[in-house]
Amino acid sequence: MKHIKTLFILGITLFTTCILANNGKPDLWKVEKNGNVSYLFGSIHLGSKDMYPLSDIVSKAYERTSDLVVEIDMSPSLQAKMMPLIQKYGMDTQVPMEKRLSPKGLSIYQDACKVKGLPCQQFSSFKGWLVGTQITNMEMQKLGYSDVFGIDKHFLKLAHDANKSVISLETAEMQFSLLSGLSQETQEFFLIESIRAKKSDLEKLFSAWKSGDDSALVEIIHKDINHPRVKEIYEAIIENRNYGMARKISAKIDNKKSLFVVVGAGHIVGKNGLVDLLRKDGFKLTEIQ
């Protein structure tokens, strides 16, 4: 189950992303229908300074389009609204974390609090999915990755500075609601697997992304997919969202929009990924090397 953490990082964009520099291979797709050309760009949700500058291929594709499409436009006005959403969907002020976990889960969690130096007192009122997210962010920061260098932020700044149209595929409340909707057992499962995830798992993810190895990403994403807890998480944070994203992207392109779409790489690859779904909807997709 060690890949649960990387699955979560790939699927969610609550805090924005990372990507490749001039020495990398972009996970970039050309999307065509009825003479209209758009682009689909896969990202991972945290980055580092050495991932810039982006390749000329990616930058030029962005410049050719009229609209930037992201999962969520994390503008300053939206960030100010995040805390009420966290309180609504990410916290349980009635029952502390320690009483929501099973005896085995509690033992693992308390050991991690000591060994990893986690601020578990601060986590007491958090739901399992939110604690798992916090642990993920902390571990990623130790590896030198931060949302400061997120690809979404990079393109959003370019778009806002140039008054380029920005389209959000989802809302923050929708994403929080999906995570909060996971069963208590699955949230505990995700939390424990986040604790157990190794540095090598995360490095493997970034290596696959930097080399543009879609087959490796698919393998990471679908690892243990038949496990009921893994399946519940995968369907909630990746597959079910793919259908909604594909419908909105298709509608915008059919409305003569030229889009540069930036979404997590986990939404692009594999069966029922955006490439697969858009092809089924009559689009021609070509990977740009």
C-alpha atoms as a PDB file:
ATOM      1  CA  MET A   1       0.000   0.000   0.000  1.00  0.00           C
ATOM      2  CA  LYS A   2       3.032   2.284  -0.110  1.00  0.00           C
ATOM      3  CA  HIS A   3       1.757   4.101  -3.188  1.00  0.00           C
ATOM      4  CA  ILE A   4      -1.329   5.596  -1.526  1.00  0.00           C
ATOM      5  CA  LYS A   5       0.585   8.750  -0.693  1.00  0.00           C
ATOM      6  CA  THR A   6       1.817   9.263  -4.241  1.00  0.00           C
ATOM      7  CA  LEU A   7      -1.673   8.541  -5.533  1.00  0.00           C
ATOM      8  CA  PHE A   8      -2.996  11.329  -3.336  1.00  0.00           C
ATOM      9  CA  ILE A   9      -0.308  13.776  -4.442  1.00  0.00           C
ATOM     10  CA  LEU A  10      -1.032  13.028  -8.096  1.00  0.00           C
ATOM     11  CA  GLY A  11      -4.772  13.337  -7.770  1.00  0.00           C
ATOM     12  CA  ILE A  12      -5.331  16.434  -5.661  1.00  0.00           C
ATOM     13  CA  THR A  13      -4.473  20.041  -6.335  1.00  0.00           C
ATOM     14  CA  LEU A  14      -5.479  21.770  -3.144  1.00  0.00           C
ATOM     15  CA  PHE A  15      -1.992  23.217  -3.006  1.00  0.00           C
ATOM     16  CA  THR A  16      -0.406  23.756  -6.400  1.00  0.00           C
ATOM     17  CA  THR A  17       2.232  22.056  -8.457  1.00  0.00           C
ATOM     18  CA  CYS A  18       5.635  21.313  -9.926  1.00  0.00           C
ATOM     19  CA  ILE A  19       7.179  20.342 -13.249  1.00  0.00           C
ATOM     20  CA  LEU A  20       9.919  19.969 -15.748  1.00  0.00           C
ATOM     21  CA  ALA A  21      12.651  22.265 -16.939  1.00  0.00           C
ATOM     22  CA  ASN A  22      14.492  22.577 -20.243  1.00  0.00           C
ATOM     23  CA  ASN A  23      16.291  19.273 -19.667  1.00  0.00           C
ATOM     24  CA  GLY A  24      13.052  17.357 -19.165  1.00  0.00           C
ATOM     25  CA  LYS A  25      10.388  15.805 -21.394  1.00  0.00           C
ATOM     26  CA  PRO A  26       6.993  17.502 -21.084  1.00  0.00           C
ATOM     27  CA  ASP A  27       3.837  15.503 -20.469  1.00  0.00           C
ATOM     28  CA  LEU A  28       2.159  17.702 -23.060  1.00  0.00           C
ATOM     29  CA  TRP A  29      -0.649  16.718 -25.419  1.00  0.00           C
ATOM     30  CA  LYS A  30      -2.014  18.528 -28.456  1.00  0.00           C
ATOM     31  CA  VAL A  31      -5.822  18.364 -28.513  1.00  0.00           C
ATOM     32  CA  GLU A  32      -7.568  18.888 -31.886  1.00  0.00           C
ATOM     33  CA  LYS A  33     -11.143  18.938 -33.108  1.00  0.00           C
ATOM     34  CA  ASN A  34     -12.795  20.740 -36.024  1.00  0.00           C
ATOM     35  CA  GLY A  35      -9.664  22.783 -36.689  1.00  0.00           C
ATOM     36  CA  ASN A  36      -9.390  23.996 -33.081  1.00  0.00           C
ATOM     37  CA  VAL A  37      -6.109  23.349 -31.245  1.00  0.00           C
ATOM     38  CA  SER A  38      -5.721  23.211 -27.466  1.00  0.00           C
ATOM     39  CA  TYR A  39      -3.125  21.686 -25.141  1.00  0.00           C
ATOM     40  CA  LEU A  40      -3.270  19.388 -22.130  1.00  0.00           C
ATOM     41  CA  PHE A  41      -0.381  19.559 -19.670  1.00  0.00           C
ATOM     42  CA  GLY A  42       0.130  17.138 -16.774  1.00  0.00           C
ATOM     43  CA  SER A  43       1.658  18.311 -13.509  1.00  0.00           C
ATOM     44  CA  ILE A  44       2.543  17.076 -10.033  1.00  0.00           C
ATOM     45  CA  HIS A  45       1.445  19.005  -7.002  1.00  0.00           C
ATOM     46  CA  LEU A  46       4.580  20.598  -5.581  1.00  0.00           C
ATOM     47  CA  GLY A  47       7.807  21.830  -7.121  1.00  0.00           C
ATOM     48  CA  SER A  48      11.355  23.055  -6.727  1.00  0.00           C
ATOM     49  CA  LYS A  49      13.308  25.964  -8.122  1.00  0.00           C
ATOM     50  CA  ASP A  50      15.472  23.759 -10.320  1.00  0.00           C
ATOM     51  CA  MET A  51      12.416  22.747 -12.346  1.00  0.00           C
ATOM     52  CA  TYR A  52      12.487  26.164 -14.013  1.00  0.00           C
ATOM     53  CA  PRO A  53      12.629  27.519 -16.634  1.00  0.00           C
ATOM     54  CA  LEU A  54       9.992  25.414 -18.314  1.00  0.00           C
ATOM     55  CA  SER A  55      10.793  23.997 -21.713  1.00  0.00           C
ATOM     56  CA  ASP A  56      10.241  26.177 -24.785  1.00  0.00           C
ATOM     57  CA  ILE A  57       7.770  23.581 -26.059  1.00  0.00           C
ATOM     58  CA  VAL A  58       5.507  24.131 -23.068  1.00  0.00           C
ATOM     59  CA  SER A  59       5.899  27.913 -22.990  1.00  0.00           C
ATOM     60  CA  LYS A  60       5.117  28.301 -26.697  1.00  0.00           C
ATOM     61  CA  ALA A  61       2.072  26.048 -26.432  1.00  0.00           C
ATOM     62  CA  TYR A  62       0.748  28.250 -23.632  1.00  0.00           C
ATOM     63  CA  GLU A  63       1.326  31.408 -25.685  1.00  0.00           C
ATOM     64  CA  ARG A  64      -0.719  30.007 -28.593  1.00  0.00           C
ATOM     65  CA  THR A  65      -3.877  29.650 -26.520  1.00  0.00           C
ATOM     66  CA  SER A  66      -6.572  32.133 -25.468  1.00  0.00           C
ATOM     67  CA  ASP A  67      -7.598  30.628 -22.115  1.00  0.00           C
ATOM     68  CA  LEU A  68      -5.782  29.015 -19.197  1.00  0.00           C
ATOM     69  CA  VAL A  69      -7.645  26.122 -17.578  1.00  0.00           C
ATOM     70  CA  VAL A  70      -6.722  24.864 -14.103  1.00  0.00           C
ATOM     71  CA  GLU A  71      -8.396  22.668 -11.525  1.00  0.00           C
ATOM     72  CA  ILE A  72      -8.839  25.689  -9.240  1.00  0.00           C
ATOM     73  CA  ASP A  73      -7.807  29.307  -9.713  1.00  0.00           C
ATOM     74  CA  MET A  74      -6.010  29.785  -6.381  1.00  0.00           C
ATOM     75  CA  SER A  75      -6.237  33.567  -6.398  1.00  0.00           C
ATOM     76  CA  PRO A  76      -5.661  35.555  -3.181  1.00  0.00           C
ATOM     77  CA  SER A  77      -9.418  36.095  -2.842  1.00  0.00           C
ATOM     78  CA  LEU A  78     -10.020  32.323  -2.899  1.00  0.00           C
ATOM     79  CA  GLN A  79      -7.220  31.586  -0.440  1.00  0.00           C
ATOM     80  CA  ALA A  80      -8.929  33.896   2.039  1.00  0.00           C
ATOM     81  CA  LYS A  81     -11.988  31.631   1.876  1.00  0.00           C
ATOM     82  CA  MET A  82     -10.087  28.414   2.513  1.00  0.00           C
ATOM     83  CA  MET A  83     -10.178  28.433   6.315  1.00  0.00           C
ATOM     84  CA  PRO A  84     -13.994  28.258   6.577  1.00  0.00           C
ATOM     85  CA  LEU A  85     -13.916  25.315   4.141  1.00  0.00           C
ATOM     86  CA  ILE A  86     -11.219  23.563   6.170  1.00  0.00           C
ATOM     87  CA  GLN A  87     -13.300  24.051   9.293  1.00  0.00           C
ATOM     88  CA  LYS A  88     -16.398  22.698   7.561  1.00  0.00           C
ATOM     89  CA  TYR A  89     -14.911  19.692   5.777  1.00  0.00           C
ATOM     90  CA  GLY A  90     -11.571  19.018   7.453  1.00  0.00           C
ATOM     91  CA  MET A  91     -12.271  19.267  11.159  1.00  0.00           C
ATOM     92  CA  ASP A  92     -14.226  17.420  13.835  1.00  0.00           C
ATOM     93  CA  THR A  93     -14.320  19.540  16.976  1.00  0.00           C
ATOM     94  CA  GLN A  94     -16.572  17.104  18.802  1.00  0.00           C
ATOM     95  CA  VAL A  95     -14.435  13.943  18.706  1.00  0.00           C
ATOM     96  CA  PRO A  96     -10.618  14.250  18.871  1.00  0.00           C
ATOM     97  CA  MET A  97      -8.430  12.366  16.421  1.00  0.00           C
ATOM     98  CA  GLU A  98      -7.206   9.990  19.115  1.00  0.00           C
ATOM     99  CA  LYS A  99     -10.758   8.719  19.704  1.00  0.00           C
ATOM    100  CA  ARG A 100     -11.597   8.369  16.028  1.00  0.00           C
ATOM    101  CA  LEU A 101      -8.761   5.949  15.285  1.00  0.00           C
ATOM    102  CA  SER A 102      -8.818   2.205  15.828  1.00  0.00           C
ATOM    103  CA  PRO A 103      -6.458   0.869  18.545  1.00  0.00           C
ATOM    104  CA  LYS A 104      -3.943  -0.249  15.908  1.00  0.00           C
ATOM    105  CA  GLY A 105      -4.208   3.009  13.992  1.00  0.00           C
ATOM    106  CA  LEU A 106      -3.826   5.023  17.167  1.00  0.00           C
ATOM    107  CA  SER A 107      -0.656   3.147  18.108  1.00  0.00           C
ATOM    108  CA  ILE A 108       0.911   3.792  14.685  1.00  0.00           C
ATOM    109  CA  TYR A 109      -0.153   7.426  14.772  1.00  0.00           C
ATOM    110  CA  GLN A 110       1.195   8.076  18.274  1.00  0.00           C
ATOM    111  CA  ASP A 111       4.518   6.425  17.408  1.00  0.00           C
ATOM    112  CA  ALA A 112       4.771   8.676  14.344  1.00  0.00           C
ATOM    113  CA  CYS A 113       4.036  11.728  16.475  1.00  0.00           C
ATOM    114  CA  LYS A 114       7.138  10.934  18.530  1.00  0.00           C
ATOM    115  CA  VAL A 115       9.474   9.621  15.826  1.00  0.00           C
ATOM    116  CA  LYS A 116       8.612  12.166  13.124  1.00  0.00           C
ATOM    117  CA  GLY A 117       8.088  15.040  15.533  1.00  0.00           C
ATOM    118  CA  LEU A 118       4.602  15.726  14.209  1.00  0.00           C
ATOM    119  CA  PRO A 119       2.585  18.544  15.828  1.00  0.00           C
ATOM    120  CA  CYS A 120      -0.113  16.068  16.815  1.00  0.00           C
ATOM    121  CA  GLN A 121      -1.712  18.349  19.382  1.00  0.00           C
ATOM    122  CA  GLN A 122      -2.522  20.712  16.533  1.00  0.00           C
ATOM    123  CA  PHE A 123      -3.949  17.786  14.540  1.00  0.00           C
ATOM    124  CA  SER A 124      -6.339  16.659  17.275  1.00  0.00           C
ATOM    125  CA  SER A 125      -9.432  18.233  15.713  1.00  0.00           C
ATOM    126  CA  PHE A 126      -8.425  17.427  12.109  1.00  0.00           C
ATOM    127  CA  LYS A 127     -10.053  14.670  10.080  1.00  0.00           C
ATOM    128  CA  GLY A 128      -7.848  11.842   8.843  1.00  0.00           C
ATOM    129  CA  TRP A 129      -7.638  13.056   5.247  1.00  0.00           C
ATOM    130  CA  LEU A 130      -6.437  16.478   6.360  1.00  0.00           C
ATOM    131  CA  VAL A 131      -3.784  15.067   8.690  1.00  0.00           C
ATOM    132  CA  GLY A 132      -2.578  12.863   5.841  1.00  0.00           C
ATOM    133  CA  THR A 133      -2.330  15.935   3.626  1.00  0.00           C
ATOM    134  CA  GLN A 134      -0.348  17.811   6.261  1.00  0.00           C
ATOM    135  CA  ILE A 135       2.063  14.907   6.697  1.00  0.00           C
ATOM    136  CA  THR A 136       2.494  14.740   2.919  1.00  0.00           C
ATOM    137  CA  ASN A 137       3.321  18.431   2.698  1.00  0.00           C
ATOM    138  CA  MET A 138       5.804  18.183   5.563  1.00  0.00           C
ATOM    139  CA  GLU A 139       7.596  15.239   3.975  1.00  0.00           C
ATOM    140  CA  MET A 140       7.683  16.947   0.584  1.00  0.00           C
ATOM    141  CA  GLN A 141       9.173  20.077   2.112  1.00  0.00           C
ATOM    142  CA  LYS A 142      11.939  17.960   3.632  1.00  0.00           C
ATOM    143  CA  LEU A 143      12.761  16.803   0.098  1.00  0.00           C
ATOM    144  CA  GLY A 144      12.929  20.417  -1.078  1.00  0.00           C
ATOM    145  CA  TYR A 145       9.540  20.641  -2.783  1.00  0.00           C
ATOM    146  CA  SER A 146       7.090  23.467  -2.137  1.00  0.00           C
ATOM    147  CA  ASP A 147       3.865  24.915  -3.514  1.00  0.00           C
ATOM    148  CA  VAL A 148       5.801  28.168  -3.983  1.00  0.00           C
ATOM    149  CA  PHE A 149       7.205  26.691  -7.197  1.00  0.00           C
ATOM    150  CA  GLY A 150       3.931  25.183  -8.355  1.00  0.00           C
ATOM    151  CA  ILE A 151       3.252  25.094 -12.081  1.00  0.00           C
ATOM    152  CA  ASP A 152      -0.327  26.190 -11.550  1.00  0.00           C
ATOM    153  CA  LYS A 153       0.914  29.265  -9.701  1.00  0.00           C
ATOM    154  CA  HIS A 154       3.412  29.952 -12.477  1.00  0.00           C
ATOM    155  CA  PHE A 155       0.783  29.933 -15.211  1.00  0.00           C
ATOM    156  CA  LEU A 156      -1.835  31.670 -13.096  1.00  0.00           C
ATOM    157  CA  LYS A 157       0.562  34.552 -12.499  1.00  0.00           C
ATOM    158  CA  LEU A 158       1.292  34.791 -16.228  1.00  0.00           C
ATOM    159  CA  ALA A 159      -2.420  34.753 -17.023  1.00  0.00           C
ATOM    160  CA  HIS A 160      -3.433  37.278 -14.363  1.00  0.00           C
ATOM    161  CA  ASP A 161      -0.600  39.654 -15.281  1.00  0.00           C
ATOM    162  CA  ALA A 162      -1.650  39.559 -18.938  1.00  0.00           C
ATOM    163  CA  ASN A 163      -5.404  39.609 -18.199  1.00  0.00           C
ATOM    164  CA  LYS A 164      -5.705  36.242 -19.899  1.00  0.00           C
ATOM    165  CA  SER A 165      -8.948  34.388 -19.237  1.00  0.00           C
ATOM    166  CA  VAL A 166      -8.726  31.743 -16.496  1.00  0.00           C
ATOM    167  CA  ILE A 167     -11.218  28.876 -16.263  1.00  0.00           C
ATOM    168  CA  SER A 168     -11.577  26.676 -13.156  1.00  0.00           C
ATOM    169  CA  LEU A 169     -12.716  23.107 -13.676  1.00  0.00           C
ATOM    170  CA  GLU A 170     -13.655  22.637 -10.031  1.00  0.00           C
ATOM    171  CA  THR A 171     -14.209  24.497  -6.777  1.00  0.00           C
ATOM    172  CA  ALA A 172     -12.279  24.180  -3.541  1.00  0.00           C
ATOM    173  CA  GLU A 173     -15.487  23.260  -1.745  1.00  0.00           C
ATOM    174  CA  MET A 174     -16.121  20.417  -4.164  1.00  0.00           C
ATOM    175  CA  GLN A 175     -12.644  18.998  -3.585  1.00  0.00           C
ATOM    176  CA  PHE A 176     -12.880  19.304   0.192  1.00  0.00           C
ATOM    177  CA  SER A 177     -16.326  17.699   0.108  1.00  0.00           C
ATOM    178  CA  LEU A 178     -14.991  14.698  -1.830  1.00  0.00           C
ATOM    179  CA  LEU A 179     -12.230  14.124   0.695  1.00  0.00           C
ATOM    180  CA  SER A 180     -14.486  14.609   3.673  1.00  0.00           C
ATOM    181  CA  GLY A 181     -16.885  12.118   2.120  1.00  0.00           C
ATOM    182  CA  LEU A 182     -14.383   9.267   2.387  1.00  0.00           C
ATOM    183  CA  SER A 183     -15.407   6.791   5.073  1.00  0.00           C
ATOM    184  CA  GLN A 184     -13.726   7.047   8.479  1.00  0.00           C
ATOM    185  CA  GLU A 185     -12.044   3.696   7.851  1.00  0.00           C
ATOM    186  CA  THR A 186     -10.641   4.884   4.531  1.00  0.00           C
ATOM    187  CA  GLN A 187      -9.473   8.186   5.995  1.00  0.00           C
ATOM    188  CA  GLU A 188      -7.621   6.247   8.700  1.00  0.00           C
ATOM    189  CA  PHE A 189      -6.162   3.964   6.049  1.00  0.00           C
ATOM    190  CA  PHE A 190      -4.928   6.939   4.060  1.00  0.00           C
ATOM    191  CA  LEU A 191      -3.464   8.566   7.173  1.00  0.00           C
ATOM    192  CA  ILE A 192      -1.548   5.426   8.193  1.00  0.00           C
ATOM    193  CA  GLU A 193      -0.233   4.812   4.671  1.00  0.00           C
ATOM    194  CA  SER A 194       0.863   8.453   4.492  1.00  0.00           C
ATOM    195  CA  ILE A 195       2.859   7.883   7.679  1.00  0.00           C
ATOM    196  CA  ARG A 196       4.401   4.704   6.275  1.00  0.00           C
ATOM    197  CA  ALA A 197       5.301   6.125   2.847  1.00  0.00           C
ATOM    198  CA  LYS A 198       9.027   6.196   2.165  1.00  0.00           C
ATOM    199  CA  LYS A 199      11.248   8.888   0.712  1.00  0.00           C
ATOM    200  CA  SER A 200      12.039   6.530  -2.178  1.00  0.00           C
ATOM    201  CA  ASP A 201       8.326   6.364  -3.113  1.00  0.00           C
ATOM    202  CA  LEU A 202       8.175  10.119  -3.575  1.00  0.00           C
ATOM    203  CA  GLU A 203      11.477  10.234  -5.439  1.00  0.00           C
ATOM    204  CA  LYS A 204      10.186   7.538  -7.783  1.00  0.00           C
ATOM    205  CA  LEU A 205       7.152   9.680  -8.540  1.00  0.00           C
ATOM    206  CA  PHE A 206       9.199  12.747  -9.391  1.00  0.00           C
ATOM    207  CA  SER A 207      11.639  10.692 -11.441  1.00  0.00           C
ATOM    208  CA  ALA A 208       8.765   9.297 -13.520  1.00  0.00           C
ATOM    209  CA  TRP A 209       7.393  12.780 -14.066  1.00  0.00           C
ATOM    210  CA  LYS A 210      10.698  14.410 -14.980  1.00  0.00           C
ATOM    211  CA  SER A 211      11.434  11.707 -17.557  1.00  0.00           C
ATOM    212  CA  GLY A 212       7.901  11.895 -18.964  1.00  0.00           C
ATOM    213  CA  ASP A 213       7.430   8.182 -18.237  1.00  0.00           C
ATOM    214  CA  ASP A 214       3.655   7.803 -18.442  1.00  0.00           C
ATOM    215  CA  SER A 215       3.811   4.020 -18.082  1.00  0.00           C
ATOM    216  CA  ALA A 216       5.624   4.410 -14.753  1.00  0.00           C
ATOM    217  CA  LEU A 217       3.027   6.950 -13.593  1.00  0.00           C
ATOM    218  CA  VAL A 218       0.217   4.560 -14.514  1.00  0.00           C
ATOM    219  CA  GLU A 219       1.935   1.795 -12.557  1.00  0.00           C
ATOM    220  CA  ILE A 220       2.255   4.037  -9.485  1.00  0.00           C
ATOM    221  CA  ILE A 221      -1.324   5.255  -9.697  1.00  0.00           C
ATOM    222  CA  HIS A 222      -2.873   1.823 -10.190  1.00  0.00           C
ATOM    223  CA  LYS A 223      -0.739  -0.052  -7.670  1.00  0.00           C
ATOM    224  CA  ASP A 224      -3.009  -2.118  -5.388  1.00  0.00           C
ATOM    225  CA  ILE A 225      -6.052  -0.633  -7.127  1.00  0.00           C
ATOM    226  CA  ASN A 226      -8.168  -3.697  -6.291  1.00  0.00           C
ATOM    227  CA  HIS A 227      -7.788  -3.122  -2.557  1.00  0.00           C
ATOM    228  CA  PRO A 228     -11.173  -1.704  -1.409  1.00  0.00           C
ATOM    229  CA  ARG A 229      -9.645   1.279   0.423  1.00  0.00           C
ATOM    230  CA  VAL A 230      -7.320   2.097  -2.478  1.00  0.00           C
ATOM    231  CA  LYS A 231     -10.209   1.806  -4.904  1.00  0.00           C
ATOM    232  CA  GLU A 232     -12.391   4.155  -2.846  1.00  0.00           C
ATOM    233  CA  ILE A 233      -9.641   6.783  -2.746  1.00  0.00           C
ATOM    234  CA  TYR A 234      -8.801   6.392  -6.433  1.00  0.00           C
ATOM    235  CA  GLU A 235     -12.410   6.713  -7.547  1.00  0.00           C
ATOM    236  CA  ALA A 236     -13.044   9.722  -5.311  1.00  0.00           C
ATOM    237  CA  ILE A 237      -9.969  11.809  -6.034  1.00  0.00           C
ATOM    238  CA  ILE A 238      -9.083  10.783  -9.583  1.00  0.00           C
ATOM    239  CA  GLU A 239     -11.491   8.772 -11.726  1.00  0.00           C
ATOM    240  CA  ASN A 240     -14.811  10.389 -10.778  1.00  0.00           C
ATOM    241  CA  ARG A 241     -13.309  13.838 -11.188  1.00  0.00           C
ATOM    242  CA  ASN A 242     -11.924  12.948 -14.624  1.00  0.00           C
ATOM    243  CA  TYR A 243     -15.432  12.645 -16.101  1.00  0.00           C
ATOM    244  CA  GLY A 244     -16.444  16.106 -14.924  1.00  0.00           C
ATOM    245  CA  MET A 245     -13.196  17.651 -16.121  1.00  0.00           C
ATOM    246  CA  ALA A 246     -13.482  16.013 -19.535  1.00  0.00           C
ATOM    247  CA  ARG A 247     -17.051  17.281 -20.010  1.00  0.00           C
ATOM    248  CA  LYS A 248     -16.060  20.867 -19.185  1.00  0.00           C
ATOM    249  CA  ILE A 249     -12.938  20.808 -21.353  1.00  0.00           C
ATOM    250  CA  SER A 250     -14.899  19.348 -24.269  1.00  0.00           C
ATOM    251  CA  ALA A 251     -17.660  21.947 -23.940  1.00  0.00           C
ATOM    252  CA  LYS A 252     -15.196  24.847 -23.867  1.00  0.00           C
ATOM    253  CA  ILE A 253     -13.336  23.599 -26.952  1.00  0.00           C
ATOM    254  CA  ASP A 254     -16.615  22.976 -28.777  1.00  0.00           C
ATOM    255  CA  ASN A 255     -17.410  26.609 -27.977  1.00  0.00           C
ATOM    256  CA  LYS A 256     -14.375  27.608 -30.067  1.00  0.00           C
ATOM    257  CA  LYS A 257     -12.072  28.144 -27.096  1.00  0.00           C
ATOM    258  CA  SER A 258      -8.335  27.495 -27.460  1.00  0.00           C
ATOM    259  CA  LEU A 259      -7.268  26.116 -24.097  1.00  0.00           C
ATOM    260  CA  PHE A 260      -4.046  25.457 -22.217  1.00  0.00           C
ATOM    261  CA  VAL A 261      -5.167  22.944 -19.606  1.00  0.00           C
ATOM    262  CA  VAL A 262      -2.976  22.270 -16.550  1.00  0.00           C
ATOM    263  CA  VAL A 263      -4.117  19.398 -14.334  1.00  0.00           C
ATOM    264  CA  GLY A 264      -2.436  16.805 -12.134  1.00  0.00           C
ATOM    265  CA  ALA A 265      -0.650  14.084 -14.111  1.00  0.00           C
ATOM    266  CA  GLY A 266      -2.776  11.451 -12.408  1.00  0.00           C
ATOM    267  CA  HIS A 267      -5.796  12.791 -14.274  1.00  0.00           C
ATOM    268  CA  ILE A 268      -4.189  12.459 -17.696  1.00  0.00           C
ATOM    269  CA  VAL A 269      -2.739   8.968 -17.954  1.00  0.00           C
ATOM    270  CA  GLY A 270      -4.324   5.531 -18.100  1.00  0.00           C
ATOM    271  CA  LYS A 271      -7.821   4.162 -18.685  1.00  0.00           C
ATOM    272  CA  ASN A 272     -10.493   6.833 -18.095  1.00  0.00           C
ATOM    273  CA  GLY A 273      -7.799   9.491 -17.879  1.00  0.00           C
ATOM    274  CA  LEU A 274      -8.413  12.747 -19.741  1.00  0.00           C
ATOM    275  CA  VAL A 275      -6.501  11.598 -22.829  1.00  0.00           C
ATOM    276  CA  ASP A 276      -8.647   8.462 -23.000  1.00  0.00           C
ATOM    277  CA  LEU A 277     -11.933  10.269 -22.320  1.00  0.00           C
ATOM    278  CA  LEU A 278     -11.316  13.107 -24.793  1.00  0.00           C
ATOM    279  CA  ARG A 279     -10.409  10.611 -27.517  1.00  0.00           C
ATOM    280  CA  LYS A 280     -13.696   8.802 -26.876  1.00  0.00           C
ATOM    281  CA  ASP A 281     -15.414  12.179 -27.314  1.00  0.00           C
ATOM    282  CA  GLY A 282     -13.995  12.589 -30.807  1.00  0.00           C
ATOM    283  CA  PHE A 283     -10.838  14.596 -30.150  1.00  0.00           C
ATOM    284  CA  LYS A 284      -7.477  13.831 -31.717  1.00  0.00           C
ATOM    285  CA  LEU A 285      -4.729  13.790 -29.092  1.00  0.00           C
ATOM    286  CA  THR A 286      -1.057  13.748 -29.964  1.00  0.00           C
ATOM    287  CA  GLU A 287       1.713  13.590 -27.385  1.00  0.00           C
ATOM    288  CA  ILE A 288       4.328  16.265 -28.028  1.00  0.00           C
ATOM    289  CA  GLN A 289       7.882  15.040 -27.539  1.00  0.00           C
END
